[in-house]
Amino acid sequence: MSNDTTKENWYTRICVIVFLLFLGALVCCSFRYGTPQYQITTSILLALSLMAVAILADSFSSISFGTIFHLRKEVTRAETERKEAKEEARELRSSLVNLATSVHQSQVTTNISGMDVATLRRVLGVVEASPEEKKKAEEEVREVGDHEEEDQATAAPDVEETWKFHRALRAVIEEDLFRRFLEKYKVPPLELRREVRFDAGIENVDPIMNRTLIYDGYVRTDQKEYFIQVSPISSGPSSMFADRLYVALARVLFYRQVKKVDAELVYLDVAFPEDSDERFSRRSRNRLMEWFQPAVASSLLRVELCSLTSEEFNALKDEAKKKLS
């Protein structure tokens, strides 16, 4: 209500006072000089009633014609407030339904993992893998993707065909891929953590698999967390590596949902020269990208392809040989 509507109208009040004085004088004259004298007639009662109404009109707005419109405005505003209250009640009911759904999901999570969501968010994290875990992961990679290399090492004892050389070559290629990745996205080298795994919490509460998985790298920024995996350098079956990549993606997805953070798996793929035997075939790469297209579309997986020239690849091989010598 504005101040203009509540401000006293002194002009109207003065007019009412003058009218009351005039009406009072008429009543007195009628009472004193009327015929018969000193008798209260119907006209005097009517005049007194009109004076009472005029006097009370200033105190009781319900009988004041000047405030009838004001009362109608109050009714309109009350109706508007009632509609707003209904809308707020509807939103509150919706919020209660969402809250009940969240509580139910929390109960389901607790039943599966034995821990509530708040505890999960506190315990889940990323830590550096222990030497024993790194060794175990290397053995798994060797068992999965390097059966052909073992056969070649038995037939030809050349150093380039041995497992030790491939392990050294992979380490050199990883360093080169990480260097290119950091330069491309202008990430300080100190921000990169190598060979990390999830904290014990996620292995213990994973409802699908109890397995320690080591990621080749990890970078955390203010907006996002990046788990990095390097592609294999062998030409083994793509389905075997796809299974390993699927597990890595599942862990990142589980971590992202529980921690309520934006996390992504970065797959550093390398394209070797056409004249090299150490290449992940283009057909296998295309098959992997076709399989994991939903993960790419949902920003769970990012593929970074790095092409090596023959000179660059030979230089990396020479560096790997130096490490073995």
C-alpha atoms as a PDB file:
ATOM      1  CA  MET A   1       0.000   0.000   0.000  1.00  0.00           C
ATOM      2  CA  SER A   2       1.432   3.357  -1.009  1.00  0.00           C
ATOM      3  CA  ASN A   3       1.819   6.372   1.241  1.00  0.00           C
ATOM      4  CA  ASP A   4      -0.608   8.358  -0.932  1.00  0.00           C
ATOM      5  CA  THR A   5      -3.509   6.095  -0.010  1.00  0.00           C
ATOM      6  CA  THR A   6      -2.770   6.277   3.727  1.00  0.00           C
ATOM      7  CA  LYS A   7      -2.021   9.983   3.937  1.00  0.00           C
ATOM      8  CA  GLU A   8      -4.715  11.939   5.781  1.00  0.00           C
ATOM      9  CA  ASN A   9      -6.874  14.143   3.598  1.00  0.00           C
ATOM     10  CA  TRP A  10      -7.223  17.254   5.708  1.00  0.00           C
ATOM     11  CA  TYR A  11      -9.356  19.014   3.108  1.00  0.00           C
ATOM     12  CA  THR A  12     -12.011  16.310   3.337  1.00  0.00           C
ATOM     13  CA  ARG A  13     -11.868  16.319   7.105  1.00  0.00           C
ATOM     14  CA  ILE A  14     -12.394  20.083   7.270  1.00  0.00           C
ATOM     15  CA  CYS A  15     -15.380  19.776   4.960  1.00  0.00           C
ATOM     16  CA  VAL A  16     -16.830  17.012   7.121  1.00  0.00           C
ATOM     17  CA  ILE A  17     -16.314  19.099  10.277  1.00  0.00           C
ATOM     18  CA  VAL A  18     -18.025  22.124   8.697  1.00  0.00           C
ATOM     19  CA  PHE A  19     -20.879  19.901   7.555  1.00  0.00           C
ATOM     20  CA  LEU A  20     -21.230  18.423  11.040  1.00  0.00           C
ATOM     21  CA  LEU A  21     -21.281  21.894  12.622  1.00  0.00           C
ATOM     22  CA  PHE A  22     -23.914  23.032  10.167  1.00  0.00           C
ATOM     23  CA  LEU A  23     -25.965  19.889  10.734  1.00  0.00           C
ATOM     24  CA  GLY A  24     -25.606  20.279  14.502  1.00  0.00           C
ATOM     25  CA  ALA A  25     -26.811  23.853  14.315  1.00  0.00           C
ATOM     26  CA  LEU A  26     -29.859  22.727  12.362  1.00  0.00           C
ATOM     27  CA  VAL A  27     -30.615  20.053  14.961  1.00  0.00           C
ATOM     28  CA  CYS A  28     -30.298  22.570  17.803  1.00  0.00           C
ATOM     29  CA  CYS A  29     -32.520  25.077  16.049  1.00  0.00           C
ATOM     30  CA  SER A  30     -35.100  22.405  15.262  1.00  0.00           C
ATOM     31  CA  PHE A  31     -35.014  21.171  18.841  1.00  0.00           C
ATOM     32  CA  ARG A  32     -35.253  24.681  20.332  1.00  0.00           C
ATOM     33  CA  TYR A  33     -37.503  26.556  17.938  1.00  0.00           C
ATOM     34  CA  GLY A  34     -39.388  23.764  16.222  1.00  0.00           C
ATOM     35  CA  THR A  35     -43.031  22.899  16.724  1.00  0.00           C
ATOM     36  CA  PRO A  36     -43.548  21.321  19.146  1.00  0.00           C
ATOM     37  CA  GLN A  37     -40.489  22.596  21.030  1.00  0.00           C
ATOM     38  CA  TYR A  38     -38.001  20.443  22.919  1.00  0.00           C
ATOM     39  CA  GLN A  39     -39.109  17.206  21.302  1.00  0.00           C
ATOM     40  CA  ILE A  40     -36.964  14.713  19.453  1.00  0.00           C
ATOM     41  CA  THR A  41     -38.575  14.172  16.130  1.00  0.00           C
ATOM     42  CA  THR A  42     -37.839  11.734  13.357  1.00  0.00           C
ATOM     43  CA  SER A  43     -35.978  14.405  11.417  1.00  0.00           C
ATOM     44  CA  ILE A  44     -33.729  15.097  14.407  1.00  0.00           C
ATOM     45  CA  LEU A  45     -32.987  11.349  14.804  1.00  0.00           C
ATOM     46  CA  LEU A  46     -32.153  11.061  11.109  1.00  0.00           C
ATOM     47  CA  ALA A  47     -29.831  14.054  11.349  1.00  0.00           C
ATOM     48  CA  LEU A  48     -28.121  12.650  14.437  1.00  0.00           C
ATOM     49  CA  SER A  49     -27.664   9.282  12.680  1.00  0.00           C
ATOM     50  CA  LEU A  50     -26.106  11.006   9.688  1.00  0.00           C
ATOM     51  CA  MET A  51     -23.737  12.883  12.026  1.00  0.00           C
ATOM     52  CA  ALA A  52     -22.754   9.615  13.738  1.00  0.00           C
ATOM     53  CA  VAL A  53     -22.027   7.981  10.398  1.00  0.00           C
ATOM     54  CA  ALA A  54     -19.889  10.924   9.325  1.00  0.00           C
ATOM     55  CA  ILE A  55     -17.937  10.875  12.604  1.00  0.00           C
ATOM     56  CA  LEU A  56     -17.381   7.098  12.598  1.00  0.00           C
ATOM     57  CA  ALA A  57     -16.427   7.037   8.922  1.00  0.00           C
ATOM     58  CA  ASP A  58     -12.953   8.313   9.800  1.00  0.00           C
ATOM     59  CA  SER A  59     -12.315   5.408  12.195  1.00  0.00           C
ATOM     60  CA  PHE A  60     -14.026   2.477  10.481  1.00  0.00           C
ATOM     61  CA  SER A  61     -13.015   2.055   6.852  1.00  0.00           C
ATOM     62  CA  SER A  62     -15.678  -0.565   6.301  1.00  0.00           C
ATOM     63  CA  ILE A  63     -18.334   2.083   6.328  1.00  0.00           C
ATOM     64  CA  SER A  64     -16.377   4.709   4.474  1.00  0.00           C
ATOM     65  CA  PHE A  65     -17.204   5.053   0.782  1.00  0.00           C
ATOM     66  CA  GLY A  66     -13.764   6.460   0.244  1.00  0.00           C
ATOM     67  CA  THR A  67     -12.138   3.131   1.185  1.00  0.00           C
ATOM     68  CA  ILE A  68     -14.400   0.677  -0.622  1.00  0.00           C
ATOM     69  CA  PHE A  69     -12.045   0.581  -3.596  1.00  0.00           C
ATOM     70  CA  HIS A  70      -9.158   0.162  -1.171  1.00  0.00           C
ATOM     71  CA  LEU A  71     -10.858  -2.868   0.374  1.00  0.00           C
ATOM     72  CA  ARG A  72     -11.336  -4.386  -3.076  1.00  0.00           C
ATOM     73  CA  LYS A  73      -7.619  -3.920  -3.726  1.00  0.00           C
ATOM     74  CA  GLU A  74      -6.843  -5.744  -0.489  1.00  0.00           C
ATOM     75  CA  VAL A  75      -9.031  -8.636  -1.615  1.00  0.00           C
ATOM     76  CA  THR A  76      -7.226  -8.771  -4.986  1.00  0.00           C
ATOM     77  CA  ARG A  77      -3.843  -8.759  -3.316  1.00  0.00           C
ATOM     78  CA  ALA A  78      -4.952 -11.488  -0.924  1.00  0.00           C
ATOM     79  CA  GLU A  79      -6.032 -13.586  -3.918  1.00  0.00           C
ATOM     80  CA  THR A  80      -2.622 -13.071  -5.556  1.00  0.00           C
ATOM     81  CA  GLU A  81      -0.834 -14.057  -2.365  1.00  0.00           C
ATOM     82  CA  ARG A  82      -3.020 -17.160  -2.127  1.00  0.00           C
ATOM     83  CA  LYS A  83      -2.033 -18.205  -5.656  1.00  0.00           C
ATOM     84  CA  GLU A  84       1.630 -17.615  -4.850  1.00  0.00           C
ATOM     85  CA  ALA A  85       1.255 -19.713  -1.710  1.00  0.00           C
ATOM     86  CA  LYS A  86      -0.232 -22.542  -3.788  1.00  0.00           C
ATOM     87  CA  GLU A  87       2.688 -22.345  -6.224  1.00  0.00           C
ATOM     88  CA  GLU A  88       5.194 -22.436  -3.376  1.00  0.00           C
ATOM     89  CA  ALA A  89       3.378 -25.406  -1.865  1.00  0.00           C
ATOM     90  CA  ARG A  90       3.545 -27.208  -5.212  1.00  0.00           C
ATOM     91  CA  GLU A  91       7.291 -26.551  -5.471  1.00  0.00           C
ATOM     92  CA  LEU A  92       7.755 -27.702  -1.893  1.00  0.00           C
ATOM     93  CA  ARG A  93       5.967 -30.969  -2.629  1.00  0.00           C
ATOM     94  CA  SER A  94       8.193 -31.476  -5.667  1.00  0.00           C
ATOM     95  CA  SER A  95      11.277 -30.843  -3.537  1.00  0.00           C
ATOM     96  CA  LEU A  96      10.049 -33.337  -0.965  1.00  0.00           C
ATOM     97  CA  VAL A  97       9.575 -35.960  -3.682  1.00  0.00           C
ATOM     98  CA  ASN A  98      13.113 -35.343  -4.960  1.00  0.00           C
ATOM     99  CA  LEU A  99      14.449 -35.538  -1.426  1.00  0.00           C
ATOM    100  CA  ALA A 100      12.640 -38.809  -0.831  1.00  0.00           C
ATOM    101  CA  THR A 101      14.100 -40.176  -4.072  1.00  0.00           C
ATOM    102  CA  SER A 102      17.601 -39.106  -3.034  1.00  0.00           C
ATOM    103  CA  VAL A 103      17.160 -40.732   0.370  1.00  0.00           C
ATOM    104  CA  HIS A 104      16.009 -43.928  -1.312  1.00  0.00           C
ATOM    105  CA  GLN A 105      19.027 -43.904  -3.628  1.00  0.00           C
ATOM    106  CA  SER A 106      21.306 -43.305  -0.649  1.00  0.00           C
ATOM    107  CA  GLN A 107      19.733 -46.266   1.123  1.00  0.00           C
ATOM    108  CA  VAL A 108      20.275 -48.438  -1.952  1.00  0.00           C
ATOM    109  CA  THR A 109      23.904 -47.329  -2.156  1.00  0.00           C
ATOM    110  CA  THR A 110      24.350 -48.059   1.530  1.00  0.00           C
ATOM    111  CA  ASN A 111      22.850 -51.515   1.119  1.00  0.00           C
ATOM    112  CA  ILE A 112      25.204 -52.305  -1.760  1.00  0.00           C
ATOM    113  CA  SER A 113      28.453 -50.895  -0.407  1.00  0.00           C
ATOM    114  CA  GLY A 114      27.857 -50.803   3.334  1.00  0.00           C
ATOM    115  CA  MET A 115      28.694 -47.075   3.437  1.00  0.00           C
ATOM    116  CA  ASP A 116      26.585 -43.978   3.015  1.00  0.00           C
ATOM    117  CA  VAL A 117      27.162 -41.483   0.207  1.00  0.00           C
ATOM    118  CA  ALA A 118      28.711 -38.847   2.463  1.00  0.00           C
ATOM    119  CA  THR A 119      31.277 -41.338   3.742  1.00  0.00           C
ATOM    120  CA  LEU A 120      32.017 -42.496   0.207  1.00  0.00           C
ATOM    121  CA  ARG A 121      32.739 -38.968  -0.922  1.00  0.00           C
ATOM    122  CA  ARG A 122      35.187 -38.512   1.922  1.00  0.00           C
ATOM    123  CA  VAL A 123      37.090 -41.754   1.483  1.00  0.00           C
ATOM    124  CA  LEU A 124      37.262 -41.913  -2.308  1.00  0.00           C
ATOM    125  CA  GLY A 125      40.345 -40.344  -3.783  1.00  0.00           C
ATOM    126  CA  VAL A 126      43.374 -40.882  -5.996  1.00  0.00           C
ATOM    127  CA  VAL A 127      46.677 -42.145  -4.601  1.00  0.00           C
ATOM    128  CA  GLU A 128      49.955 -43.308  -6.074  1.00  0.00           C
ATOM    129  CA  ALA A 129      50.196 -47.010  -6.772  1.00  0.00           C
ATOM    130  CA  SER A 130      52.650 -49.051  -4.719  1.00  0.00           C
ATOM    131  CA  PRO A 131      55.570 -50.867  -6.416  1.00  0.00           C
ATOM    132  CA  GLU A 132      53.848 -54.219  -5.847  1.00  0.00           C
ATOM    133  CA  GLU A 133      50.673 -52.937  -7.516  1.00  0.00           C
ATOM    134  CA  LYS A 134      52.658 -51.578 -10.465  1.00  0.00           C
ATOM    135  CA  LYS A 135      54.400 -54.918 -10.932  1.00  0.00           C
ATOM    136  CA  LYS A 136      51.104 -56.781 -10.774  1.00  0.00           C
ATOM    137  CA  ALA A 137      49.573 -54.438 -13.358  1.00  0.00           C
ATOM    138  CA  GLU A 138      52.508 -54.999 -15.715  1.00  0.00           C
ATOM    139  CA  GLU A 139      52.053 -58.744 -15.414  1.00  0.00           C
ATOM    140  CA  GLU A 140      48.356 -58.389 -16.270  1.00  0.00           C
ATOM    141  CA  VAL A 141      49.156 -56.306 -19.344  1.00  0.00           C
ATOM    142  CA  ARG A 142      51.724 -58.839 -20.443  1.00  0.00           C
ATOM    143  CA  GLU A 143      49.300 -61.735 -20.026  1.00  0.00           C
ATOM    144  CA  VAL A 144      46.503 -59.959 -21.895  1.00  0.00           C
ATOM    145  CA  GLY A 145      48.154 -58.242 -24.818  1.00  0.00           C
ATOM    146  CA  ASP A 146      51.570 -59.702 -25.517  1.00  0.00           C
ATOM    147  CA  HIS A 147      51.146 -63.378 -26.341  1.00  0.00           C
ATOM    148  CA  GLU A 148      52.334 -62.764 -29.893  1.00  0.00           C
ATOM    149  CA  GLU A 149      55.433 -60.953 -28.656  1.00  0.00           C
ATOM    150  CA  GLU A 150      56.384 -63.877 -26.414  1.00  0.00           C
ATOM    151  CA  ASP A 151      56.135 -66.247 -29.383  1.00  0.00           C
ATOM    152  CA  GLN A 152      58.314 -63.926 -31.455  1.00  0.00           C
ATOM    153  CA  ALA A 153      60.848 -63.643 -28.635  1.00  0.00           C
ATOM    154  CA  THR A 154      61.151 -67.452 -28.546  1.00  0.00           C
ATOM    155  CA  ALA A 155      61.663 -67.675 -32.308  1.00  0.00           C
ATOM    156  CA  ALA A 156      63.973 -64.680 -32.679  1.00  0.00           C
ATOM    157  CA  PRO A 157      66.083 -63.579 -29.688  1.00  0.00           C
ATOM    158  CA  ASP A 158      66.637 -60.134 -31.210  1.00  0.00           C
ATOM    159  CA  VAL A 159      66.527 -57.425 -28.535  1.00  0.00           C
ATOM    160  CA  GLU A 160      63.752 -55.529 -30.362  1.00  0.00           C
ATOM    161  CA  GLU A 161      61.470 -58.565 -30.023  1.00  0.00           C
ATOM    162  CA  THR A 162      61.963 -59.184 -26.324  1.00  0.00           C
ATOM    163  CA  TRP A 163      59.590 -58.213 -23.575  1.00  0.00           C
ATOM    164  CA  LYS A 164      62.197 -56.052 -21.877  1.00  0.00           C
ATOM    165  CA  PHE A 165      62.611 -53.960 -24.985  1.00  0.00           C
ATOM    166  CA  HIS A 166      58.881 -53.505 -25.435  1.00  0.00           C
ATOM    167  CA  ARG A 167      58.539 -52.472 -21.820  1.00  0.00           C
ATOM    168  CA  ALA A 168      61.323 -49.929 -22.229  1.00  0.00           C
ATOM    169  CA  LEU A 169      59.854 -48.732 -25.524  1.00  0.00           C
ATOM    170  CA  ARG A 170      56.449 -48.310 -23.944  1.00  0.00           C
ATOM    171  CA  ALA A 171      57.964 -46.238 -21.141  1.00  0.00           C
ATOM    172  CA  VAL A 172      59.718 -43.982 -23.655  1.00  0.00           C
ATOM    173  CA  ILE A 173      56.559 -43.605 -25.742  1.00  0.00           C
ATOM    174  CA  GLU A 174      54.552 -42.785 -22.619  1.00  0.00           C
ATOM    175  CA  GLU A 175      56.979 -40.018 -21.720  1.00  0.00           C
ATOM    176  CA  ASP A 176      56.690 -38.585 -25.230  1.00  0.00           C
ATOM    177  CA  LEU A 177      52.889 -38.782 -25.240  1.00  0.00           C
ATOM    178  CA  PHE A 178      52.625 -37.138 -21.838  1.00  0.00           C
ATOM    179  CA  ARG A 179      54.991 -34.387 -22.946  1.00  0.00           C
ATOM    180  CA  ARG A 180      52.870 -33.701 -26.022  1.00  0.00           C
ATOM    181  CA  PHE A 181      49.671 -33.777 -23.964  1.00  0.00           C
ATOM    182  CA  LEU A 182      50.992 -31.293 -21.387  1.00  0.00           C
ATOM    183  CA  GLU A 183      52.272 -28.958 -24.090  1.00  0.00           C
ATOM    184  CA  LYS A 184      48.998 -29.082 -26.017  1.00  0.00           C
ATOM    185  CA  TYR A 185      46.839 -28.153 -23.019  1.00  0.00           C
ATOM    186  CA  LYS A 186      49.478 -26.002 -21.288  1.00  0.00           C
ATOM    187  CA  VAL A 187      49.449 -28.079 -18.129  1.00  0.00           C
ATOM    188  CA  PRO A 188      52.453 -27.609 -15.796  1.00  0.00           C
ATOM    189  CA  PRO A 189      54.501 -30.830 -15.594  1.00  0.00           C
ATOM    190  CA  LEU A 190      54.262 -30.802 -11.804  1.00  0.00           C
ATOM    191  CA  GLU A 191      50.474 -31.161 -12.091  1.00  0.00           C
ATOM    192  CA  LEU A 192      50.862 -34.609 -13.680  1.00  0.00           C
ATOM    193  CA  ARG A 193      50.864 -37.620 -11.377  1.00  0.00           C
ATOM    194  CA  ARG A 194      52.101 -40.888 -12.844  1.00  0.00           C
ATOM    195  CA  GLU A 195      50.815 -44.405 -12.207  1.00  0.00           C
ATOM    196  CA  VAL A 196      47.979 -43.734  -9.791  1.00  0.00           C
ATOM    197  CA  ARG A 197      45.026 -45.749  -8.602  1.00  0.00           C
ATOM    198  CA  PHE A 198      41.849 -45.019  -6.726  1.00  0.00           C
ATOM    199  CA  ASP A 199      41.986 -45.009  -2.970  1.00  0.00           C
ATOM    200  CA  ALA A 200      41.130 -48.268  -1.258  1.00  0.00           C
ATOM    201  CA  GLY A 201      37.607 -46.996  -0.707  1.00  0.00           C
ATOM    202  CA  ILE A 202      36.495 -47.400  -4.303  1.00  0.00           C
ATOM    203  CA  GLU A 203      37.943 -50.907  -4.620  1.00  0.00           C
ATOM    204  CA  ASN A 204      36.122 -51.924  -1.453  1.00  0.00           C
ATOM    205  CA  VAL A 205      32.760 -50.429  -2.414  1.00  0.00           C
ATOM    206  CA  ASP A 206      32.727 -51.213  -6.130  1.00  0.00           C
ATOM    207  CA  PRO A 207      29.581 -53.376  -6.501  1.00  0.00           C
ATOM    208  CA  ILE A 208      30.915 -55.047  -9.667  1.00  0.00           C
ATOM    209  CA  MET A 209      34.596 -55.942  -9.329  1.00  0.00           C
ATOM    210  CA  ASN A 210      37.247 -56.025  -6.625  1.00  0.00           C
ATOM    211  CA  ARG A 211      40.361 -55.212  -8.620  1.00  0.00           C
ATOM    212  CA  THR A 212      43.109 -52.631  -8.336  1.00  0.00           C
ATOM    213  CA  LEU A 213      43.447 -50.725 -11.587  1.00  0.00           C
ATOM    214  CA  ILE A 214      46.414 -48.440 -12.226  1.00  0.00           C
ATOM    215  CA  TYR A 215      46.067 -45.413 -14.488  1.00  0.00           C
ATOM    216  CA  ASP A 216      49.099 -44.202 -16.402  1.00  0.00           C
ATOM    217  CA  GLY A 217      48.528 -40.577 -15.393  1.00  0.00           C
ATOM    218  CA  TYR A 218      46.271 -38.207 -13.490  1.00  0.00           C
ATOM    219  CA  VAL A 219      45.751 -34.448 -13.756  1.00  0.00           C
ATOM    220  CA  ARG A 220      43.427 -32.421 -11.547  1.00  0.00           C
ATOM    221  CA  THR A 221      42.272 -28.908 -12.393  1.00  0.00           C
ATOM    222  CA  ASP A 222      39.775 -26.562 -10.797  1.00  0.00           C
ATOM    223  CA  GLN A 223      37.075 -27.629 -13.247  1.00  0.00           C
ATOM    224  CA  LYS A 224      37.824 -31.275 -14.002  1.00  0.00           C
ATOM    225  CA  GLU A 225      39.795 -34.407 -13.171  1.00  0.00           C
ATOM    226  CA  TYR A 226      41.570 -36.349 -15.921  1.00  0.00           C
ATOM    227  CA  PHE A 227      42.555 -40.021 -15.707  1.00  0.00           C
ATOM    228  CA  ILE A 228      45.005 -40.892 -18.480  1.00  0.00           C
ATOM    229  CA  GLN A 229      45.564 -44.240 -20.165  1.00  0.00           C
ATOM    230  CA  VAL A 230      48.135 -44.904 -22.890  1.00  0.00           C
ATOM    231  CA  SER A 231      47.285 -47.244 -25.748  1.00  0.00           C
ATOM    232  CA  PRO A 232      49.198 -50.517 -26.135  1.00  0.00           C
ATOM    233  CA  ILE A 233      52.137 -50.611 -28.519  1.00  0.00           C
ATOM    234  CA  SER A 234      51.442 -54.172 -29.618  1.00  0.00           C
ATOM    235  CA  SER A 235      49.051 -55.334 -32.308  1.00  0.00           C
ATOM    236  CA  GLY A 236      47.222 -57.766 -30.054  1.00  0.00           C
ATOM    237  CA  PRO A 237      43.474 -58.376 -30.181  1.00  0.00           C
ATOM    238  CA  SER A 238      41.521 -55.165 -29.739  1.00  0.00           C
ATOM    239  CA  SER A 239      38.835 -56.977 -27.733  1.00  0.00           C
ATOM    240  CA  MET A 240      41.325 -57.710 -24.951  1.00  0.00           C
ATOM    241  CA  PHE A 241      42.330 -54.081 -24.602  1.00  0.00           C
ATOM    242  CA  ALA A 242      38.691 -53.021 -24.961  1.00  0.00           C
ATOM    243  CA  ASP A 243      37.827 -55.053 -21.867  1.00  0.00           C
ATOM    244  CA  ARG A 244      40.586 -53.344 -19.906  1.00  0.00           C
ATOM    245  CA  LEU A 245      39.514 -49.925 -21.168  1.00  0.00           C
ATOM    246  CA  TYR A 246      35.913 -50.710 -20.244  1.00  0.00           C
ATOM    247  CA  VAL A 247      36.908 -51.447 -16.652  1.00  0.00           C
ATOM    248  CA  ALA A 248      38.904 -48.209 -16.501  1.00  0.00           C
ATOM    249  CA  LEU A 249      35.913 -46.239 -17.804  1.00  0.00           C
ATOM    250  CA  ALA A 250      33.534 -47.955 -15.382  1.00  0.00           C
ATOM    251  CA  ARG A 251      35.727 -46.955 -12.437  1.00  0.00           C
ATOM    252  CA  VAL A 252      35.885 -43.347 -13.597  1.00  0.00           C
ATOM    253  CA  LEU A 253      32.105 -43.279 -14.078  1.00  0.00           C
ATOM    254  CA  PHE A 254      31.532 -44.750 -10.623  1.00  0.00           C
ATOM    255  CA  TYR A 255      33.974 -42.243  -9.136  1.00  0.00           C
ATOM    256  CA  ARG A 256      32.257 -39.353 -10.933  1.00  0.00           C
ATOM    257  CA  GLN A 257      28.784 -40.350  -9.761  1.00  0.00           C
ATOM    258  CA  VAL A 258      29.748 -40.898  -6.132  1.00  0.00           C
ATOM    259  CA  LYS A 259      32.020 -37.867  -5.730  1.00  0.00           C
ATOM    260  CA  LYS A 260      29.730 -35.597  -7.779  1.00  0.00           C
ATOM    261  CA  VAL A 261      32.715 -34.276  -9.743  1.00  0.00           C
ATOM    262  CA  ASP A 262      33.461 -33.847 -13.432  1.00  0.00           C
ATOM    263  CA  ALA A 263      35.923 -36.611 -14.319  1.00  0.00           C
ATOM    264  CA  GLU A 264      37.074 -37.912 -17.691  1.00  0.00           C
ATOM    265  CA  LEU A 265      39.290 -40.676 -19.018  1.00  0.00           C
ATOM    266  CA  VAL A 266      41.838 -39.467 -21.575  1.00  0.00           C
ATOM    267  CA  TYR A 267      43.004 -42.199 -23.936  1.00  0.00           C
ATOM    268  CA  LEU A 268      46.388 -41.319 -25.436  1.00  0.00           C
ATOM    269  CA  ASP A 269      46.558 -43.257 -28.672  1.00  0.00           C
ATOM    270  CA  VAL A 270      49.640 -43.384 -30.849  1.00  0.00           C
ATOM    271  CA  ALA A 271      49.730 -43.939 -34.598  1.00  0.00           C
ATOM    272  CA  PHE A 272      52.996 -45.620 -35.574  1.00  0.00           C
ATOM    273  CA  PRO A 273      54.574 -45.285 -39.017  1.00  0.00           C
ATOM    274  CA  GLU A 274      53.192 -47.548 -41.719  1.00  0.00           C
ATOM    275  CA  ASP A 275      56.514 -49.342 -42.082  1.00  0.00           C
ATOM    276  CA  SER A 276      56.582 -50.295 -38.403  1.00  0.00           C
ATOM    277  CA  ASP A 277      55.541 -53.671 -37.046  1.00  0.00           C
ATOM    278  CA  GLU A 278      54.813 -52.139 -33.639  1.00  0.00           C
ATOM    279  CA  ARG A 279      51.489 -50.569 -34.446  1.00  0.00           C
ATOM    280  CA  PHE A 280      47.963 -50.838 -33.267  1.00  0.00           C
ATOM    281  CA  SER A 281      46.174 -51.424 -36.561  1.00  0.00           C
ATOM    282  CA  ARG A 282      43.884 -48.733 -37.913  1.00  0.00           C
ATOM    283  CA  ARG A 283      41.082 -51.271 -38.125  1.00  0.00           C
ATOM    284  CA  SER A 284      41.442 -52.095 -34.436  1.00  0.00           C
ATOM    285  CA  ARG A 285      41.486 -48.403 -33.549  1.00  0.00           C
ATOM    286  CA  ASN A 286      38.330 -47.720 -35.554  1.00  0.00           C
ATOM    287  CA  ARG A 287      36.638 -50.686 -33.922  1.00  0.00           C
ATOM    288  CA  LEU A 288      37.478 -49.373 -30.462  1.00  0.00           C
ATOM    289  CA  MET A 289      36.162 -45.912 -31.298  1.00  0.00           C
ATOM    290  CA  GLU A 290      32.943 -47.450 -32.581  1.00  0.00           C
ATOM    291  CA  TRP A 291      32.482 -49.506 -29.425  1.00  0.00           C
ATOM    292  CA  PHE A 292      33.127 -46.605 -27.057  1.00  0.00           C
ATOM    293  CA  GLN A 293      31.238 -43.920 -28.972  1.00  0.00           C
ATOM    294  CA  PRO A 294      28.635 -43.520 -26.159  1.00  0.00           C
ATOM    295  CA  ALA A 295      31.425 -42.777 -23.684  1.00  0.00           C
ATOM    296  CA  VAL A 296      32.881 -40.175 -26.041  1.00  0.00           C
ATOM    297  CA  ALA A 297      29.460 -38.575 -26.543  1.00  0.00           C
ATOM    298  CA  SER A 298      28.885 -38.305 -22.776  1.00  0.00           C
ATOM    299  CA  SER A 299      32.315 -36.693 -22.173  1.00  0.00           C
ATOM    300  CA  LEU A 300      33.444 -39.716 -20.188  1.00  0.00           C
ATOM    301  CA  LEU A 301      36.146 -40.621 -22.715  1.00  0.00           C
ATOM    302  CA  ARG A 302      38.431 -38.369 -24.735  1.00  0.00           C
ATOM    303  CA  VAL A 303      40.739 -39.759 -27.410  1.00  0.00           C
ATOM    304  CA  GLU A 304      44.001 -37.956 -28.136  1.00  0.00           C
ATOM    305  CA  LEU A 305      45.740 -39.367 -31.213  1.00  0.00           C
ATOM    306  CA  CYS A 306      49.442 -38.704 -31.741  1.00  0.00           C
ATOM    307  CA  SER A 307      51.053 -39.667 -35.045  1.00  0.00           C
ATOM    308  CA  LEU A 308      54.744 -40.561 -35.064  1.00  0.00           C
ATOM    309  CA  THR A 309      56.940 -40.215 -38.101  1.00  0.00           C
ATOM    310  CA  SER A 310      59.539 -42.822 -38.953  1.00  0.00           C
ATOM    311  CA  GLU A 311      62.304 -40.545 -37.685  1.00  0.00           C
ATOM    312  CA  GLU A 312      60.532 -39.889 -34.386  1.00  0.00           C
ATOM    313  CA  PHE A 313      59.758 -43.556 -33.864  1.00  0.00           C
ATOM    314  CA  ASN A 314      63.339 -44.615 -34.616  1.00  0.00           C
ATOM    315  CA  ALA A 315      64.606 -42.003 -32.169  1.00  0.00           C
ATOM    316  CA  LEU A 316      62.324 -43.406 -29.476  1.00  0.00           C
ATOM    317  CA  LYS A 317      63.538 -46.925 -30.212  1.00  0.00           C
ATOM    318  CA  ASP A 318      67.146 -45.802 -29.908  1.00  0.00           C
ATOM    319  CA  GLU A 319      66.355 -44.179 -26.582  1.00  0.00           C
ATOM    320  CA  ALA A 320      64.740 -47.405 -25.360  1.00  0.00           C
ATOM    321  CA  LYS A 321      67.841 -49.372 -26.383  1.00  0.00           C
ATOM    322  CA  LYS A 322      70.035 -46.969 -24.442  1.00  0.00           C
ATOM    323  CA  LYS A 323      67.997 -47.592 -21.330  1.00  0.00           C
ATOM    324  CA  LEU A 324      68.536 -51.340 -21.693  1.00  0.00           C
ATOM    325  CA  SER A 325      72.274 -51.054 -22.258  1.00  0.00           C
END
